[in-house]
Amino acid sequence: MGRGMGKPNDPEFQKKVIRAAFDLFDLETGPVLEDFPETIPVRDGRMGYALPPELVLSTSDIGDVDSLVAEVQTEIDALLPDYEAAVASRGRTTVGASEFPIKDFAPFISKFIRGEIPKSPRKGLPAIPLLKLVVEDLEAYYTETRTHRDGIDDLELMGKWFWEETKAGRLLLSLEAISIVSDNKVMLQIVEMSLMAPRFWSEGPLPGTSAAGW
C-alpha cells in the first residue's frame, strides 16, 4: 500500500525496517523473501484513505476546465510560502521528478482533460509516464506543505483533505473521468497505470477502476 516504511515521522520504526533489510545480507544463500515481524500500524483496520464512491466524477461533472485550472493555480500560489518553509526546514523535497516548474503542473494536466496528448518535452520519456511524474509532483507539493505547516502525519486526514477539499484533487478526478471513457489507447493508460484517485481499503478495492493507495 505504499507504506513499507510505516507512517510518516516515525523514525524509530523506519530504522527497524531498514536494519531488518540490511540483516538479510548476512544470510549465506539467496534469494530470500522474509516478512517483517511487526505489522505497520493502521487505524480501524484500514491501510489508507479510500475515496468515497460518491466522489467519483463523470465527464458531465467536470465543468469549465479553464476555471478549474485557475482555481488550482490560486491554491498553488497560496501554498507556496509554506512549501518553501517546508523545504527550508527539511532540507529536501520530493517535488521535481517531472522537471516541470510548479506553475506548469495544472496546465499540463489540463491538456489531457481536454482530450489532447501533448508532446513530451523530455527526450525518451513519453507523455503518459511524464504525466505520472507531474501528478506525483503535484500531490507531493500539497502533502509536503500541509504535513509541515500543520504537523500532520494522519494518512486518512491528508487523503480526505486532498481528494475531497482541494481543487487539485478535483483536477485529477476530472482527468480520471476523461480517461475512463476515452477510446484512445494512450489515454486509457492513465487508468491502466492507476495514476489517479485511491480506491483501496484493506479489505479490497472499492468499486472503480483504480486501485492506487494514497
N, C-alpha and C. Protein backbone atom coordinates (compact mmCIF):
# COMPACT_ATOMS: atom_id res chain seq x y z
N MET A 1 0.82 -1.21 0.00
CA MET A 1 0.00 0.00 0.00
C MET A 1 0.85 1.26 0.00
N GLY A 2 2.11 1.14 -0.37
CA GLY A 2 2.95 2.32 -0.42
C GLY A 2 3.42 2.81 0.93
N ARG A 3 3.31 1.94 1.96
CA ARG A 3 3.72 2.36 3.30
C ARG A 3 4.70 1.35 3.89
N GLY A 4 5.60 0.89 3.08
CA GLY A 4 6.55 -0.12 3.52
C GLY A 4 7.43 0.32 4.67
N MET A 5 7.57 1.64 4.84
CA MET A 5 8.39 2.17 5.93
C MET A 5 7.54 2.65 7.10
N GLY A 6 6.24 2.35 7.07
CA GLY A 6 5.38 2.80 8.16
C GLY A 6 4.84 4.19 7.92
N LYS A 7 4.29 4.79 8.96
CA LYS A 7 3.70 6.12 8.81
C LYS A 7 4.78 7.20 8.83
N PRO A 8 4.46 8.40 8.33
CA PRO A 8 5.44 9.50 8.33
C PRO A 8 5.85 9.89 9.75
N ASN A 9 7.05 10.43 9.86
CA ASN A 9 7.56 11.00 11.12
C ASN A 9 7.65 9.97 12.25
N ASP A 10 7.99 8.73 11.88
CA ASP A 10 8.20 7.68 12.89
C ASP A 10 9.57 7.06 12.64
N PRO A 11 10.65 7.81 12.93
CA PRO A 11 11.99 7.35 12.57
C PRO A 11 12.40 6.05 13.26
N GLU A 12 11.92 5.80 14.47
CA GLU A 12 12.31 4.58 15.16
C GLU A 12 11.81 3.34 14.42
N PHE A 13 10.56 3.38 13.99
CA PHE A 13 10.02 2.26 13.22
C PHE A 13 10.74 2.14 11.88
N GLN A 14 11.00 3.25 11.24
CA GLN A 14 11.66 3.25 9.94
C GLN A 14 13.06 2.64 10.04
N LYS A 15 13.78 2.97 11.12
CA LYS A 15 15.13 2.40 11.30
C LYS A 15 15.07 0.89 11.51
N LYS A 16 14.03 0.43 12.20
CA LYS A 16 13.87 -1.02 12.39
C LYS A 16 13.72 -1.72 11.05
N VAL A 17 12.93 -1.13 10.16
CA VAL A 17 12.72 -1.73 8.84
C VAL A 17 14.02 -1.76 8.05
N ILE A 18 14.74 -0.65 8.05
CA ILE A 18 16.00 -0.57 7.30
C ILE A 18 17.02 -1.57 7.85
N ARG A 19 17.12 -1.66 9.17
CA ARG A 19 18.08 -2.58 9.77
C ARG A 19 17.72 -4.03 9.46
N ALA A 20 16.42 -4.33 9.47
CA ALA A 20 15.99 -5.69 9.13
C ALA A 20 16.34 -6.03 7.69
N ALA A 21 16.23 -5.03 6.81
CA ALA A 21 16.58 -5.26 5.40
C ALA A 21 18.08 -5.53 5.26
N PHE A 22 18.90 -4.76 5.95
CA PHE A 22 20.35 -4.97 5.87
C PHE A 22 20.78 -6.29 6.49
N ASP A 23 20.03 -6.75 7.50
CA ASP A 23 20.35 -8.04 8.11
C ASP A 23 20.24 -9.19 7.12
N LEU A 24 19.43 -9.01 6.08
CA LEU A 24 19.27 -10.07 5.08
C LEU A 24 20.57 -10.33 4.33
N PHE A 25 21.45 -9.33 4.30
CA PHE A 25 22.74 -9.53 3.62
C PHE A 25 23.63 -10.53 4.36
N ASP A 26 23.32 -10.79 5.61
CA ASP A 26 24.13 -11.73 6.39
C ASP A 26 23.78 -13.19 6.12
N LEU A 27 22.69 -13.43 5.40
CA LEU A 27 22.30 -14.81 5.10
C LEU A 27 23.29 -15.43 4.11
N GLU A 28 23.51 -16.71 4.23
CA GLU A 28 24.53 -17.38 3.42
C GLU A 28 24.06 -17.67 2.00
N THR A 29 22.75 -17.82 1.82
CA THR A 29 22.24 -18.12 0.49
C THR A 29 21.07 -17.20 0.17
N GLY A 30 20.76 -17.12 -1.09
CA GLY A 30 19.64 -16.29 -1.54
C GLY A 30 19.19 -16.76 -2.91
N PRO A 31 18.18 -16.20 -3.49
CA PRO A 31 17.41 -15.07 -2.98
C PRO A 31 16.54 -15.46 -1.78
N VAL A 32 16.09 -14.45 -1.05
CA VAL A 32 15.28 -14.70 0.13
C VAL A 32 14.15 -13.67 0.21
N LEU A 33 12.99 -14.12 0.64
CA LEU A 33 11.85 -13.23 0.87
C LEU A 33 11.40 -13.47 2.30
N GLU A 34 11.49 -12.45 3.12
CA GLU A 34 11.19 -12.62 4.53
C GLU A 34 10.23 -11.53 5.00
N ASP A 35 9.22 -11.90 5.75
CA ASP A 35 8.26 -10.94 6.28
C ASP A 35 8.87 -10.15 7.43
N PHE A 36 8.56 -8.86 7.48
CA PHE A 36 8.96 -8.05 8.62
C PHE A 36 8.10 -8.47 9.81
N PRO A 37 8.68 -8.64 10.99
CA PRO A 37 7.93 -9.23 12.11
C PRO A 37 6.85 -8.34 12.71
N GLU A 38 6.91 -7.04 12.46
CA GLU A 38 5.91 -6.14 13.04
C GLU A 38 4.93 -5.67 11.97
N THR A 39 3.67 -5.57 12.36
CA THR A 39 2.65 -5.07 11.45
C THR A 39 2.65 -3.55 11.47
N ILE A 40 2.59 -2.95 10.29
CA ILE A 40 2.53 -1.50 10.22
C ILE A 40 1.22 -1.03 10.84
N PRO A 41 1.29 -0.11 11.79
CA PRO A 41 0.06 0.32 12.49
C PRO A 41 -0.97 0.91 11.52
N VAL A 42 -2.21 0.50 11.68
CA VAL A 42 -3.32 1.08 10.91
C VAL A 42 -4.43 1.46 11.86
N ARG A 43 -5.31 2.31 11.41
CA ARG A 43 -6.42 2.75 12.22
C ARG A 43 -7.71 2.13 11.72
N ASP A 44 -8.47 1.52 12.61
CA ASP A 44 -9.77 0.95 12.26
C ASP A 44 -9.66 -0.07 11.14
N GLY A 45 -8.55 -0.79 11.07
CA GLY A 45 -8.42 -1.85 10.08
C GLY A 45 -8.18 -1.38 8.67
N ARG A 46 -7.89 -0.09 8.48
CA ARG A 46 -7.70 0.46 7.14
C ARG A 46 -6.21 0.67 6.87
N MET A 47 -5.78 0.35 5.65
CA MET A 47 -4.40 0.57 5.26
C MET A 47 -4.17 1.99 4.76
N GLY A 48 -5.23 2.67 4.38
CA GLY A 48 -5.06 4.01 3.86
C GLY A 48 -6.38 4.63 3.49
N TYR A 49 -6.31 5.85 3.01
CA TYR A 49 -7.50 6.58 2.63
C TYR A 49 -8.12 5.97 1.38
N ALA A 50 -9.43 5.83 1.37
CA ALA A 50 -10.14 5.36 0.18
C ALA A 50 -11.17 6.40 -0.22
N LEU A 51 -11.19 6.73 -1.48
CA LEU A 51 -12.11 7.76 -1.97
C LEU A 51 -13.55 7.27 -1.88
N PRO A 52 -14.44 8.02 -1.24
CA PRO A 52 -15.86 7.62 -1.21
C PRO A 52 -16.40 7.49 -2.63
N PRO A 53 -17.13 6.42 -2.92
CA PRO A 53 -17.62 6.20 -4.29
C PRO A 53 -18.42 7.36 -4.85
N GLU A 54 -19.12 8.10 -3.98
CA GLU A 54 -19.95 9.19 -4.48
C GLU A 54 -19.12 10.35 -5.01
N LEU A 55 -17.83 10.37 -4.74
CA LEU A 55 -16.97 11.44 -5.24
C LEU A 55 -16.35 11.11 -6.60
N VAL A 56 -16.57 9.91 -7.10
CA VAL A 56 -16.06 9.56 -8.42
C VAL A 56 -16.81 10.38 -9.46
N LEU A 57 -16.08 11.12 -10.27
CA LEU A 57 -16.70 12.03 -11.22
C LEU A 57 -17.02 11.36 -12.55
N SER A 58 -18.01 11.90 -13.23
CA SER A 58 -18.27 11.57 -14.63
C SER A 58 -17.89 12.79 -15.45
N THR A 59 -17.83 12.64 -16.75
CA THR A 59 -17.41 13.76 -17.60
C THR A 59 -18.37 14.94 -17.49
N SER A 60 -19.63 14.67 -17.20
CA SER A 60 -20.61 15.75 -17.08
C SER A 60 -20.40 16.60 -15.82
N ASP A 61 -19.60 16.10 -14.89
CA ASP A 61 -19.34 16.82 -13.65
C ASP A 61 -18.18 17.80 -13.76
N ILE A 62 -17.43 17.74 -14.83
CA ILE A 62 -16.16 18.46 -14.89
C ILE A 62 -16.35 19.97 -14.97
N GLY A 63 -17.23 20.44 -15.82
CA GLY A 63 -17.44 21.87 -15.94
C GLY A 63 -16.35 22.54 -16.76
N ASP A 64 -16.14 23.83 -16.49
CA ASP A 64 -15.18 24.62 -17.27
C ASP A 64 -13.76 24.32 -16.82
N VAL A 65 -12.96 23.78 -17.71
CA VAL A 65 -11.60 23.35 -17.37
C VAL A 65 -10.71 24.55 -17.07
N ASP A 66 -10.86 25.63 -17.84
CA ASP A 66 -10.04 26.82 -17.60
C ASP A 66 -10.26 27.37 -16.20
N SER A 67 -11.51 27.39 -15.76
CA SER A 67 -11.82 27.90 -14.42
C SER A 67 -11.20 27.00 -13.35
N LEU A 68 -11.28 25.69 -13.58
CA LEU A 68 -10.71 24.74 -12.62
C LEU A 68 -9.20 24.92 -12.53
N VAL A 69 -8.54 25.08 -13.66
CA VAL A 69 -7.09 25.28 -13.66
C VAL A 69 -6.73 26.56 -12.92
N ALA A 70 -7.51 27.61 -13.14
CA ALA A 70 -7.25 28.88 -12.45
C ALA A 70 -7.39 28.71 -10.93
N GLU A 71 -8.37 27.92 -10.51
CA GLU A 71 -8.56 27.68 -9.08
C GLU A 71 -7.40 26.88 -8.50
N VAL A 72 -6.89 25.92 -9.26
CA VAL A 72 -5.73 25.15 -8.81
C VAL A 72 -4.52 26.06 -8.69
N GLN A 73 -4.33 26.93 -9.66
CA GLN A 73 -3.20 27.84 -9.62
C GLN A 73 -3.28 28.78 -8.41
N THR A 74 -4.49 29.20 -8.07
CA THR A 74 -4.68 30.03 -6.88
C THR A 74 -4.28 29.27 -5.62
N GLU A 75 -4.69 28.00 -5.55
CA GLU A 75 -4.29 27.15 -4.41
C GLU A 75 -2.77 27.01 -4.34
N ILE A 76 -2.17 26.73 -5.47
CA ILE A 76 -0.72 26.53 -5.52
C ILE A 76 0.01 27.78 -5.05
N ASP A 77 -0.43 28.94 -5.52
CA ASP A 77 0.20 30.19 -5.12
C ASP A 77 0.05 30.43 -3.62
N ALA A 78 -1.12 30.09 -3.08
CA ALA A 78 -1.36 30.30 -1.66
C ALA A 78 -0.50 29.38 -0.80
N LEU A 79 -0.19 28.19 -1.30
CA LEU A 79 0.60 27.23 -0.55
C LEU A 79 2.11 27.48 -0.66
N LEU A 80 2.52 28.28 -1.63
CA LEU A 80 3.95 28.42 -1.92
C LEU A 80 4.79 28.87 -0.73
N PRO A 81 4.41 29.89 0.03
CA PRO A 81 5.26 30.28 1.18
C PRO A 81 5.45 29.14 2.17
N ASP A 82 4.39 28.38 2.44
CA ASP A 82 4.51 27.26 3.38
C ASP A 82 5.31 26.11 2.78
N TYR A 83 5.19 25.91 1.46
CA TYR A 83 6.01 24.88 0.81
C TYR A 83 7.49 25.23 0.91
N GLU A 84 7.82 26.48 0.63
CA GLU A 84 9.21 26.93 0.71
C GLU A 84 9.73 26.79 2.14
N ALA A 85 8.88 27.07 3.12
CA ALA A 85 9.27 26.92 4.52
C ALA A 85 9.51 25.45 4.84
N ALA A 86 8.67 24.57 4.26
CA ALA A 86 8.84 23.13 4.48
C ALA A 86 10.16 22.64 3.92
N VAL A 87 10.51 23.09 2.72
CA VAL A 87 11.77 22.68 2.09
C VAL A 87 12.96 23.20 2.89
N ALA A 88 12.86 24.44 3.35
CA ALA A 88 13.95 25.02 4.14
C ALA A 88 14.13 24.26 5.45
N SER A 89 13.04 23.87 6.06
CA SER A 89 13.11 23.16 7.34
C SER A 89 13.66 21.75 7.17
N ARG A 90 13.20 21.06 6.13
CA ARG A 90 13.61 19.67 5.93
C ARG A 90 14.92 19.53 5.18
N GLY A 91 15.24 20.54 4.41
CA GLY A 91 16.45 20.48 3.61
C GLY A 91 16.32 19.59 2.39
N ARG A 92 15.10 19.28 2.01
CA ARG A 92 14.87 18.38 0.87
C ARG A 92 13.42 18.47 0.45
N THR A 93 13.14 17.94 -0.74
CA THR A 93 11.77 17.82 -1.25
C THR A 93 11.73 16.68 -2.26
N THR A 94 10.58 16.04 -2.38
CA THR A 94 10.41 15.01 -3.41
C THR A 94 9.79 15.60 -4.67
N VAL A 95 9.45 16.88 -4.62
CA VAL A 95 8.91 17.55 -5.81
C VAL A 95 10.04 17.81 -6.79
N GLY A 96 9.83 17.47 -8.05
CA GLY A 96 10.85 17.76 -9.05
C GLY A 96 11.16 16.65 -10.01
N ALA A 97 10.56 15.46 -9.80
CA ALA A 97 10.86 14.33 -10.68
C ALA A 97 10.45 14.61 -12.12
N SER A 98 9.39 15.40 -12.30
CA SER A 98 8.91 15.71 -13.65
C SER A 98 9.79 16.73 -14.35
N GLU A 99 10.59 17.47 -13.58
CA GLU A 99 11.41 18.58 -14.08
C GLU A 99 10.56 19.73 -14.61
N PHE A 100 9.29 19.77 -14.21
CA PHE A 100 8.40 20.87 -14.59
C PHE A 100 8.43 21.93 -13.50
N PRO A 101 8.34 23.21 -13.87
CA PRO A 101 8.09 24.24 -12.85
C PRO A 101 6.74 23.99 -12.20
N ILE A 102 6.61 24.30 -10.93
CA ILE A 102 5.37 24.05 -10.21
C ILE A 102 4.19 24.72 -10.89
N LYS A 103 4.40 25.91 -11.44
CA LYS A 103 3.30 26.64 -12.07
C LYS A 103 2.78 25.96 -13.33
N ASP A 104 3.54 24.99 -13.86
CA ASP A 104 3.13 24.31 -15.10
C ASP A 104 2.41 23.00 -14.85
N PHE A 105 2.30 22.56 -13.59
CA PHE A 105 1.66 21.27 -13.30
C PHE A 105 0.22 21.23 -13.83
N ALA A 106 -0.59 22.18 -13.36
CA ALA A 106 -2.01 22.17 -13.71
C ALA A 106 -2.26 22.37 -15.21
N PRO A 107 -1.59 23.33 -15.87
CA PRO A 107 -1.81 23.48 -17.31
C PRO A 107 -1.47 22.21 -18.10
N PHE A 108 -0.41 21.50 -17.70
CA PHE A 108 -0.04 20.28 -18.41
C PHE A 108 -1.11 19.21 -18.22
N ILE A 109 -1.56 19.03 -17.00
CA ILE A 109 -2.60 18.03 -16.72
C ILE A 109 -3.89 18.38 -17.45
N SER A 110 -4.21 19.66 -17.54
CA SER A 110 -5.46 20.08 -18.17
C SER A 110 -5.51 19.74 -19.65
N LYS A 111 -4.36 19.65 -20.30
CA LYS A 111 -4.35 19.29 -21.72
C LYS A 111 -4.94 17.91 -21.92
N PHE A 112 -4.65 17.00 -21.03
CA PHE A 112 -5.20 15.65 -21.14
C PHE A 112 -6.70 15.65 -20.87
N ILE A 113 -7.14 16.51 -19.95
CA ILE A 113 -8.58 16.61 -19.67
C ILE A 113 -9.32 17.10 -20.90
N ARG A 114 -8.69 17.93 -21.69
CA ARG A 114 -9.29 18.44 -22.92
C ARG A 114 -9.21 17.43 -24.06
N GLY A 115 -8.62 16.28 -23.79
CA GLY A 115 -8.53 15.24 -24.81
C GLY A 115 -7.28 15.34 -25.66
N GLU A 116 -6.38 16.24 -25.29
CA GLU A 116 -5.13 16.38 -26.03
C GLU A 116 -4.07 15.45 -25.43
N ILE A 117 -3.14 15.04 -26.24
CA ILE A 117 -1.98 14.29 -25.75
C ILE A 117 -0.75 15.10 -26.16
N PRO A 118 -0.27 15.96 -25.28
CA PRO A 118 0.83 16.85 -25.65
C PRO A 118 2.12 16.08 -25.89
N LYS A 119 2.96 16.64 -26.72
CA LYS A 119 4.26 16.04 -26.96
C LYS A 119 5.12 16.25 -25.72
N SER A 120 5.77 15.19 -25.30
CA SER A 120 6.62 15.29 -24.12
C SER A 120 7.86 16.12 -24.45
N PRO A 121 8.19 17.09 -23.58
CA PRO A 121 9.39 17.88 -23.81
C PRO A 121 10.67 17.16 -23.41
N ARG A 122 10.53 15.99 -22.80
CA ARG A 122 11.70 15.25 -22.33
C ARG A 122 11.99 14.08 -23.26
N LYS A 123 13.16 14.08 -23.84
CA LYS A 123 13.56 13.04 -24.78
C LYS A 123 13.57 11.67 -24.09
N GLY A 124 12.93 10.70 -24.74
CA GLY A 124 12.92 9.34 -24.21
C GLY A 124 11.86 9.07 -23.17
N LEU A 125 11.07 10.10 -22.83
CA LEU A 125 10.01 9.93 -21.84
C LEU A 125 8.67 10.28 -22.49
N PRO A 126 7.85 9.29 -22.80
CA PRO A 126 6.56 9.55 -23.44
C PRO A 126 5.61 10.36 -22.56
N ALA A 127 4.53 10.81 -23.17
CA ALA A 127 3.61 11.73 -22.49
C ALA A 127 2.99 11.15 -21.23
N ILE A 128 2.54 9.88 -21.26
CA ILE A 128 1.85 9.33 -20.09
C ILE A 128 2.80 9.09 -18.92
N PRO A 129 3.98 8.49 -19.11
CA PRO A 129 4.91 8.41 -17.99
C PRO A 129 5.30 9.78 -17.43
N LEU A 130 5.40 10.79 -18.30
CA LEU A 130 5.68 12.14 -17.81
C LEU A 130 4.50 12.66 -17.01
N LEU A 131 3.28 12.39 -17.49
CA LEU A 131 2.08 12.79 -16.75
C LEU A 131 2.11 12.18 -15.35
N LYS A 132 2.50 10.93 -15.24
CA LYS A 132 2.58 10.28 -13.93
C LYS A 132 3.50 11.06 -12.99
N LEU A 133 4.64 11.50 -13.50
CA LEU A 133 5.59 12.26 -12.68
C LEU A 133 5.01 13.63 -12.29
N VAL A 134 4.30 14.26 -13.22
CA VAL A 134 3.69 15.56 -12.91
C VAL A 134 2.63 15.41 -11.82
N VAL A 135 1.81 14.35 -11.93
CA VAL A 135 0.78 14.09 -10.93
C VAL A 135 1.43 13.85 -9.56
N GLU A 136 2.49 13.05 -9.54
CA GLU A 136 3.18 12.79 -8.27
C GLU A 136 3.80 14.06 -7.69
N ASP A 137 4.34 14.91 -8.56
CA ASP A 137 4.90 16.18 -8.08
C ASP A 137 3.81 17.08 -7.49
N LEU A 138 2.65 17.12 -8.17
CA LEU A 138 1.55 17.94 -7.68
C LEU A 138 1.08 17.45 -6.30
N GLU A 139 0.90 16.15 -6.16
CA GLU A 139 0.47 15.59 -4.89
C GLU A 139 1.51 15.85 -3.79
N ALA A 140 2.78 15.68 -4.14
CA ALA A 140 3.85 15.89 -3.17
C ALA A 140 3.92 17.34 -2.73
N TYR A 141 3.70 18.26 -3.65
CA TYR A 141 3.70 19.68 -3.32
C TYR A 141 2.66 19.99 -2.25
N TYR A 142 1.48 19.45 -2.43
CA TYR A 142 0.40 19.68 -1.46
C TYR A 142 0.68 18.99 -0.13
N THR A 143 1.08 17.72 -0.19
CA THR A 143 1.23 16.97 1.06
C THR A 143 2.45 17.43 1.86
N GLU A 144 3.55 17.73 1.19
CA GLU A 144 4.73 18.22 1.92
C GLU A 144 4.42 19.54 2.61
N THR A 145 3.66 20.39 1.93
CA THR A 145 3.30 21.68 2.50
C THR A 145 2.42 21.50 3.74
N ARG A 146 1.38 20.70 3.60
CA ARG A 146 0.41 20.56 4.70
C ARG A 146 1.01 19.79 5.88
N THR A 147 1.77 18.75 5.62
CA THR A 147 2.33 17.99 6.73
C THR A 147 3.30 18.85 7.56
N HIS A 148 4.03 19.73 6.87
CA HIS A 148 4.95 20.60 7.62
C HIS A 148 4.19 21.73 8.31
N ARG A 149 3.33 22.38 7.57
CA ARG A 149 2.63 23.56 8.11
C ARG A 149 1.78 23.22 9.33
N ASP A 150 1.08 22.09 9.25
CA ASP A 150 0.12 21.74 10.30
C ASP A 150 0.56 20.55 11.15
N GLY A 151 1.78 20.05 10.91
CA GLY A 151 2.28 18.93 11.70
C GLY A 151 1.44 17.67 11.60
N ILE A 152 0.97 17.37 10.40
CA ILE A 152 0.05 16.24 10.20
C ILE A 152 0.82 15.00 9.77
N ASP A 153 0.52 13.85 10.38
CA ASP A 153 1.04 12.58 9.88
C ASP A 153 -0.08 11.55 9.75
N ASP A 154 -1.32 12.03 9.71
CA ASP A 154 -2.51 11.18 9.61
C ASP A 154 -2.84 10.96 8.14
N LEU A 155 -2.66 9.73 7.67
CA LEU A 155 -2.86 9.41 6.26
C LEU A 155 -4.28 9.68 5.81
N GLU A 156 -5.25 9.30 6.62
CA GLU A 156 -6.64 9.48 6.24
C GLU A 156 -7.02 10.96 6.19
N LEU A 157 -6.53 11.73 7.13
CA LEU A 157 -6.82 13.16 7.14
C LEU A 157 -6.24 13.83 5.90
N MET A 158 -5.00 13.46 5.53
CA MET A 158 -4.39 14.04 4.34
C MET A 158 -5.16 13.64 3.08
N GLY A 159 -5.57 12.38 3.01
CA GLY A 159 -6.32 11.93 1.84
C GLY A 159 -7.64 12.65 1.70
N LYS A 160 -8.34 12.77 2.82
CA LYS A 160 -9.64 13.45 2.81
C LYS A 160 -9.47 14.89 2.35
N TRP A 161 -8.45 15.56 2.89
CA TRP A 161 -8.22 16.96 2.51
C TRP A 161 -7.91 17.07 1.02
N PHE A 162 -6.95 16.30 0.54
CA PHE A 162 -6.51 16.47 -0.85
C PHE A 162 -7.63 16.12 -1.83
N TRP A 163 -8.23 14.94 -1.68
CA TRP A 163 -9.18 14.47 -2.68
C TRP A 163 -10.56 15.07 -2.55
N GLU A 164 -10.95 15.46 -1.34
CA GLU A 164 -12.31 15.93 -1.14
C GLU A 164 -12.42 17.44 -1.02
N GLU A 165 -11.32 18.12 -0.70
CA GLU A 165 -11.43 19.55 -0.41
C GLU A 165 -10.62 20.44 -1.35
N THR A 166 -9.56 19.94 -1.97
CA THR A 166 -8.74 20.82 -2.81
C THR A 166 -9.17 20.78 -4.27
N LYS A 167 -8.89 21.86 -4.96
CA LYS A 167 -9.16 21.91 -6.40
C LYS A 167 -8.19 21.03 -7.17
N ALA A 168 -6.99 20.85 -6.62
CA ALA A 168 -6.03 19.96 -7.28
C ALA A 168 -6.57 18.53 -7.30
N GLY A 169 -7.17 18.09 -6.19
CA GLY A 169 -7.78 16.77 -6.17
C GLY A 169 -8.87 16.65 -7.21
N ARG A 170 -9.68 17.69 -7.34
CA ARG A 170 -10.76 17.65 -8.34
C ARG A 170 -10.18 17.62 -9.76
N LEU A 171 -9.07 18.31 -9.96
CA LEU A 171 -8.43 18.29 -11.28
C LEU A 171 -8.05 16.86 -11.66
N LEU A 172 -7.48 16.11 -10.71
CA LEU A 172 -7.08 14.74 -11.00
C LEU A 172 -8.28 13.83 -11.15
N LEU A 173 -9.33 14.06 -10.39
CA LEU A 173 -10.56 13.28 -10.56
C LEU A 173 -11.17 13.54 -11.93
N SER A 174 -11.07 14.77 -12.41
CA SER A 174 -11.56 15.10 -13.75
C SER A 174 -10.76 14.39 -14.82
N LEU A 175 -9.46 14.33 -14.62
CA LEU A 175 -8.60 13.61 -15.56
C LEU A 175 -8.97 12.13 -15.61
N GLU A 176 -9.22 11.55 -14.46
CA GLU A 176 -9.61 10.15 -14.44
C GLU A 176 -10.94 9.94 -15.16
N ALA A 177 -11.90 10.84 -14.94
CA ALA A 177 -13.20 10.73 -15.59
C ALA A 177 -13.07 10.72 -17.11
N ILE A 178 -12.20 11.58 -17.62
CA ILE A 178 -11.98 11.65 -19.07
C ILE A 178 -11.32 10.37 -19.58
N SER A 179 -10.33 9.89 -18.85
CA SER A 179 -9.57 8.73 -19.34
C SER A 179 -10.40 7.45 -19.33
N ILE A 180 -11.32 7.33 -18.37
CA ILE A 180 -12.13 6.12 -18.27
C ILE A 180 -12.99 5.92 -19.51
N VAL A 181 -13.54 6.99 -20.05
CA VAL A 181 -14.46 6.87 -21.19
C VAL A 181 -13.76 7.05 -22.53
N SER A 182 -12.47 7.29 -22.52
CA SER A 182 -11.74 7.53 -23.76
C SER A 182 -11.60 6.24 -24.56
N ASP A 183 -11.64 6.38 -25.88
CA ASP A 183 -11.37 5.23 -26.75
C ASP A 183 -9.96 5.31 -27.32
N ASN A 184 -9.18 6.24 -26.79
CA ASN A 184 -7.79 6.40 -27.21
C ASN A 184 -6.91 5.51 -26.34
N LYS A 185 -6.11 4.65 -26.96
CA LYS A 185 -5.29 3.70 -26.22
C LYS A 185 -4.27 4.39 -25.32
N VAL A 186 -3.78 5.54 -25.76
CA VAL A 186 -2.80 6.26 -24.95
C VAL A 186 -3.48 6.82 -23.70
N MET A 187 -4.66 7.43 -23.87
CA MET A 187 -5.38 7.98 -22.73
C MET A 187 -5.79 6.89 -21.75
N LEU A 188 -6.12 5.72 -22.25
CA LEU A 188 -6.52 4.61 -21.38
C LEU A 188 -5.38 4.16 -20.46
N GLN A 189 -4.16 4.47 -20.82
CA GLN A 189 -3.03 4.12 -19.96
C GLN A 189 -3.12 4.82 -18.61
N ILE A 190 -3.80 5.97 -18.58
CA ILE A 190 -3.94 6.71 -17.33
C ILE A 190 -4.67 5.86 -16.31
N VAL A 191 -5.71 5.18 -16.75
CA VAL A 191 -6.47 4.30 -15.86
C VAL A 191 -5.68 3.01 -15.60
N GLU A 192 -5.13 2.44 -16.65
CA GLU A 192 -4.43 1.16 -16.52
C GLU A 192 -3.23 1.26 -15.58
N MET A 193 -2.59 2.43 -15.54
CA MET A 193 -1.43 2.61 -14.67
C MET A 193 -1.82 3.09 -13.28
N SER A 194 -3.14 3.22 -13.02
CA SER A 194 -3.63 3.64 -11.70
C SER A 194 -2.95 4.93 -11.24
N LEU A 195 -2.97 5.93 -12.12
CA LEU A 195 -2.28 7.18 -11.79
C LEU A 195 -3.10 8.08 -10.87
N MET A 196 -4.40 7.85 -10.82
CA MET A 196 -5.26 8.85 -10.23
C MET A 196 -5.72 8.52 -8.82
N ALA A 197 -7.03 8.56 -8.62
CA ALA A 197 -7.59 8.57 -7.27
C ALA A 197 -7.52 7.23 -6.56
N PRO A 198 -7.38 7.24 -5.23
CA PRO A 198 -7.34 6.00 -4.46
C PRO A 198 -8.70 5.34 -4.38
N ARG A 199 -8.72 4.01 -4.48
CA ARG A 199 -9.96 3.25 -4.38
C ARG A 199 -9.79 2.09 -3.41
N PHE A 200 -8.72 2.04 -2.66
CA PHE A 200 -8.36 0.81 -1.95
C PHE A 200 -8.58 0.90 -0.45
N TRP A 201 -9.19 -0.14 0.10
CA TRP A 201 -9.30 -0.36 1.53
C TRP A 201 -8.50 -1.62 1.85
N SER A 202 -8.25 -1.86 3.13
CA SER A 202 -7.53 -3.08 3.49
C SER A 202 -8.31 -4.32 3.11
N GLU A 203 -9.66 -4.19 3.03
CA GLU A 203 -10.48 -5.34 2.67
C GLU A 203 -10.49 -5.62 1.17
N GLY A 204 -10.00 -4.70 0.37
CA GLY A 204 -10.01 -4.90 -1.08
C GLY A 204 -10.45 -3.64 -1.78
N PRO A 205 -10.40 -3.62 -3.11
CA PRO A 205 -10.71 -2.41 -3.86
C PRO A 205 -12.19 -2.08 -3.83
N LEU A 206 -12.47 -0.79 -3.72
CA LEU A 206 -13.85 -0.31 -3.84
C LEU A 206 -14.24 -0.29 -5.30
N PRO A 207 -15.53 -0.14 -5.60
CA PRO A 207 -15.95 -0.03 -7.00
C PRO A 207 -15.22 1.11 -7.69
N GLY A 208 -14.77 0.88 -8.89
CA GLY A 208 -13.99 1.88 -9.62
C GLY A 208 -12.87 1.18 -10.37
N THR A 209 -12.16 1.92 -11.14
CA THR A 209 -11.14 1.30 -11.98
C THR A 209 -9.75 1.36 -11.39
N SER A 210 -9.50 2.35 -10.55
CA SER A 210 -8.15 2.48 -9.99
C SER A 210 -8.01 1.68 -8.72
N ALA A 211 -6.78 1.34 -8.38
CA ALA A 211 -6.52 0.65 -7.11
C ALA A 211 -5.31 1.26 -6.44
N ALA A 212 -5.11 2.54 -6.67
CA ALA A 212 -3.95 3.21 -6.10
C ALA A 212 -4.20 3.57 -4.66
N GLY A 213 -3.26 3.32 -3.79
CA GLY A 213 -3.39 3.71 -2.39
C GLY A 213 -2.81 5.09 -2.17
N TRP A 214 -3.44 5.87 -1.34
CA TRP A 214 -2.92 7.21 -1.05
C TRP A 214 -1.70 7.11 -0.16
